[in-house]
Amino acid sequence: MLSNILHAGWSVDRVNHSEVYSDHGKHTNWAESYFSRLRRMVVGQHHNVSPQYLRQYANQAAWLEDNRRTDNGGLAHMLVANAMEAPVSRSWKGYWQRAA
């Protein structure tokens, strides 16, 4: 069962919505908000996303979601600092040349 696979890799809590809406801060609003923002990002900014790169776009949307209260200067600083510390990405290196 898929839910058991999730429990093997992550700390997952469940809420029985037939009993309560929220159980000590556990609810589905954050997941729904994330997927809503991801859909708007794909439709509004990228217009099309290749299934090959969907995971990377979803990771970017998750990073933006996690840091949405950080000002633009702070986001730029974090982005540049992380880029300077990261090794060369084998999946993104030269992707514009493969598309031609």
C-alpha atoms as a PDB file:
ATOM      1  CA  MET A   1       0.000   0.000   0.000  1.00  0.00           C
ATOM      2  CA  LEU A   2       1.297   3.477  -0.919  1.00  0.00           C
ATOM      3  CA  SER A   3       0.730   4.981   2.532  1.00  0.00           C
ATOM      4  CA  ASN A   4       2.961   2.315   4.089  1.00  0.00           C
ATOM      5  CA  ILE A   5       5.721   3.211   1.615  1.00  0.00           C
ATOM      6  CA  LEU A   6       5.411   6.860   2.673  1.00  0.00           C
ATOM      7  CA  HIS A   7       5.721   5.910   6.345  1.00  0.00           C
ATOM      8  CA  ALA A   8       8.943   4.005   5.573  1.00  0.00           C
ATOM      9  CA  GLY A   9      10.660   7.131   4.196  1.00  0.00           C
ATOM     10  CA  TRP A  10       9.077  10.056   6.033  1.00  0.00           C
ATOM     11  CA  SER A  11       7.392  10.983   9.254  1.00  0.00           C
ATOM     12  CA  VAL A  12       3.734  10.962   8.215  1.00  0.00           C
ATOM     13  CA  ASP A  13       0.712  11.764  10.371  1.00  0.00           C
ATOM     14  CA  ARG A  14      -2.928  11.148   9.550  1.00  0.00           C
ATOM     15  CA  VAL A  15      -6.072  13.085  10.358  1.00  0.00           C
ATOM     16  CA  ASN A  16      -9.476  11.440  10.250  1.00  0.00           C
ATOM     17  CA  HIS A  17     -11.513  14.312   8.789  1.00  0.00           C
ATOM     18  CA  SER A  18     -14.792  12.615   9.647  1.00  0.00           C
ATOM     19  CA  GLU A  19     -13.870  13.230  13.294  1.00  0.00           C
ATOM     20  CA  VAL A  20     -11.845  16.474  13.328  1.00  0.00           C
ATOM     21  CA  TYR A  21     -10.728  19.127  10.833  1.00  0.00           C
ATOM     22  CA  SER A  22      -7.299  19.650  12.383  1.00  0.00           C
ATOM     23  CA  ASP A  23      -5.459  17.543  14.932  1.00  0.00           C
ATOM     24  CA  HIS A  24      -2.838  19.574  16.827  1.00  0.00           C
ATOM     25  CA  GLY A  25      -1.746  21.469  13.710  1.00  0.00           C
ATOM     26  CA  LYS A  26      -1.952  18.503  11.324  1.00  0.00           C
ATOM     27  CA  HIS A  27      -4.165  19.243   8.314  1.00  0.00           C
ATOM     28  CA  THR A  28      -4.104  19.199   4.502  1.00  0.00           C
ATOM     29  CA  ASN A  29      -4.123  22.952   3.857  1.00  0.00           C
ATOM     30  CA  TRP A  30      -0.348  23.203   3.366  1.00  0.00           C
ATOM     31  CA  ALA A  31      -0.279  20.386   0.816  1.00  0.00           C
ATOM     32  CA  GLU A  32      -3.231  21.883  -1.056  1.00  0.00           C
ATOM     33  CA  SER A  33      -1.578  25.319  -0.979  1.00  0.00           C
ATOM     34  CA  TYR A  34       1.673  23.871  -2.355  1.00  0.00           C
ATOM     35  CA  PHE A  35      -0.018  22.063  -5.250  1.00  0.00           C
ATOM     36  CA  SER A  36      -2.065  25.158  -6.054  1.00  0.00           C
ATOM     37  CA  ARG A  37       1.088  27.301  -6.213  1.00  0.00           C
ATOM     38  CA  LEU A  38       2.861  24.636  -8.292  1.00  0.00           C
ATOM     39  CA  ARG A  39       0.006  24.575 -10.833  1.00  0.00           C
ATOM     40  CA  ARG A  40      -0.029  28.394 -11.042  1.00  0.00           C
ATOM     41  CA  MET A  41       3.767  28.442 -11.489  1.00  0.00           C
ATOM     42  CA  VAL A  42       3.626  25.925 -14.339  1.00  0.00           C
ATOM     43  CA  VAL A  43       0.726  27.615 -16.126  1.00  0.00           C
ATOM     44  CA  GLY A  44       1.687  31.227 -15.432  1.00  0.00           C
ATOM     45  CA  GLN A  45       5.489  31.248 -15.638  1.00  0.00           C
ATOM     46  CA  HIS A  46       6.679  28.191 -17.519  1.00  0.00           C
ATOM     47  CA  HIS A  47       3.632  27.476 -19.743  1.00  0.00           C
ATOM     48  CA  ASN A  48       4.924  23.944 -20.318  1.00  0.00           C
ATOM     49  CA  VAL A  49       6.944  21.517 -18.206  1.00  0.00           C
ATOM     50  CA  SER A  50       8.599  18.407 -19.560  1.00  0.00           C
ATOM     51  CA  PRO A  51       7.877  15.317 -17.453  1.00  0.00           C
ATOM     52  CA  GLN A  52      11.636  14.720 -17.467  1.00  0.00           C
ATOM     53  CA  TYR A  53      12.180  17.911 -15.430  1.00  0.00           C
ATOM     54  CA  LEU A  54       8.942  17.951 -13.393  1.00  0.00           C
ATOM     55  CA  ARG A  55      10.772  16.832 -10.243  1.00  0.00           C
ATOM     56  CA  GLN A  56      13.161  19.805 -10.470  1.00  0.00           C
ATOM     57  CA  TYR A  57      10.296  22.258 -11.024  1.00  0.00           C
ATOM     58  CA  ALA A  58       8.460  20.756  -8.031  1.00  0.00           C
ATOM     59  CA  ASN A  59      11.627  21.081  -5.918  1.00  0.00           C
ATOM     60  CA  GLN A  60      11.915  24.745  -6.914  1.00  0.00           C
ATOM     61  CA  ALA A  61       8.276  25.339  -6.010  1.00  0.00           C
ATOM     62  CA  ALA A  62       8.820  23.594  -2.654  1.00  0.00           C
ATOM     63  CA  TRP A  63      11.873  25.776  -1.947  1.00  0.00           C
ATOM     64  CA  LEU A  64       9.904  28.911  -2.799  1.00  0.00           C
ATOM     65  CA  GLU A  65       7.034  27.679  -0.604  1.00  0.00           C
ATOM     66  CA  ASP A  66       9.391  27.053   2.319  1.00  0.00           C
ATOM     67  CA  ASN A  67      10.984  30.506   1.930  1.00  0.00           C
ATOM     68  CA  ARG A  68       7.933  32.515   0.818  1.00  0.00           C
ATOM     69  CA  ARG A  69       8.203  34.934   3.762  1.00  0.00           C
ATOM     70  CA  THR A  70      11.856  35.772   2.992  1.00  0.00           C
ATOM     71  CA  ASP A  71      12.470  39.061   1.185  1.00  0.00           C
ATOM     72  CA  ASN A  72      13.851  39.061  -2.383  1.00  0.00           C
ATOM     73  CA  GLY A  73      17.346  40.092  -1.265  1.00  0.00           C
ATOM     74  CA  GLY A  74      17.468  37.202   1.196  1.00  0.00           C
ATOM     75  CA  LEU A  75      16.263  34.765  -1.472  1.00  0.00           C
ATOM     76  CA  ALA A  76      18.924  35.991  -3.907  1.00  0.00           C
ATOM     77  CA  HIS A  77      21.631  35.645  -1.250  1.00  0.00           C
ATOM     78  CA  MET A  78      20.541  32.096  -0.356  1.00  0.00           C
ATOM     79  CA  LEU A  79      20.306  31.116  -4.032  1.00  0.00           C
ATOM     80  CA  VAL A  80      23.801  32.360  -4.891  1.00  0.00           C
ATOM     81  CA  ALA A  81      25.321  30.861  -1.718  1.00  0.00           C
ATOM     82  CA  ASN A  82      23.740  27.462  -2.433  1.00  0.00           C
ATOM     83  CA  ALA A  83      24.804  27.589  -6.098  1.00  0.00           C
ATOM     84  CA  MET A  84      28.416  28.320  -5.172  1.00  0.00           C
ATOM     85  CA  GLU A  85      28.533  25.395  -2.726  1.00  0.00           C
ATOM     86  CA  ALA A  86      26.806  22.839  -4.987  1.00  0.00           C
ATOM     87  CA  PRO A  87      28.669  20.505  -7.355  1.00  0.00           C
ATOM     88  CA  VAL A  88      27.930  20.504 -11.090  1.00  0.00           C
ATOM     89  CA  SER A  89      24.498  19.038 -11.762  1.00  0.00           C
ATOM     90  CA  ARG A  90      24.675  16.147 -14.188  1.00  0.00           C
ATOM     91  CA  SER A  91      20.959  16.436 -15.007  1.00  0.00           C
ATOM     92  CA  TRP A  92      20.987  20.206 -15.741  1.00  0.00           C
ATOM     93  CA  LYS A  93      24.479  20.615 -17.250  1.00  0.00           C
ATOM     94  CA  GLY A  94      24.022  21.522 -20.926  1.00  0.00           C
ATOM     95  CA  TYR A  95      20.231  20.976 -21.020  1.00  0.00           C
ATOM     96  CA  TRP A  96      19.773  23.881 -23.491  1.00  0.00           C
ATOM     97  CA  GLN A  97      22.140  22.143 -25.919  1.00  0.00           C
ATOM     98  CA  ARG A  98      20.147  18.882 -25.794  1.00  0.00           C
ATOM     99  CA  ALA A  99      16.911  20.712 -26.642  1.00  0.00           C
ATOM    100  CA  ALA A 100      18.265  22.001 -29.975  1.00  0.00           C
END
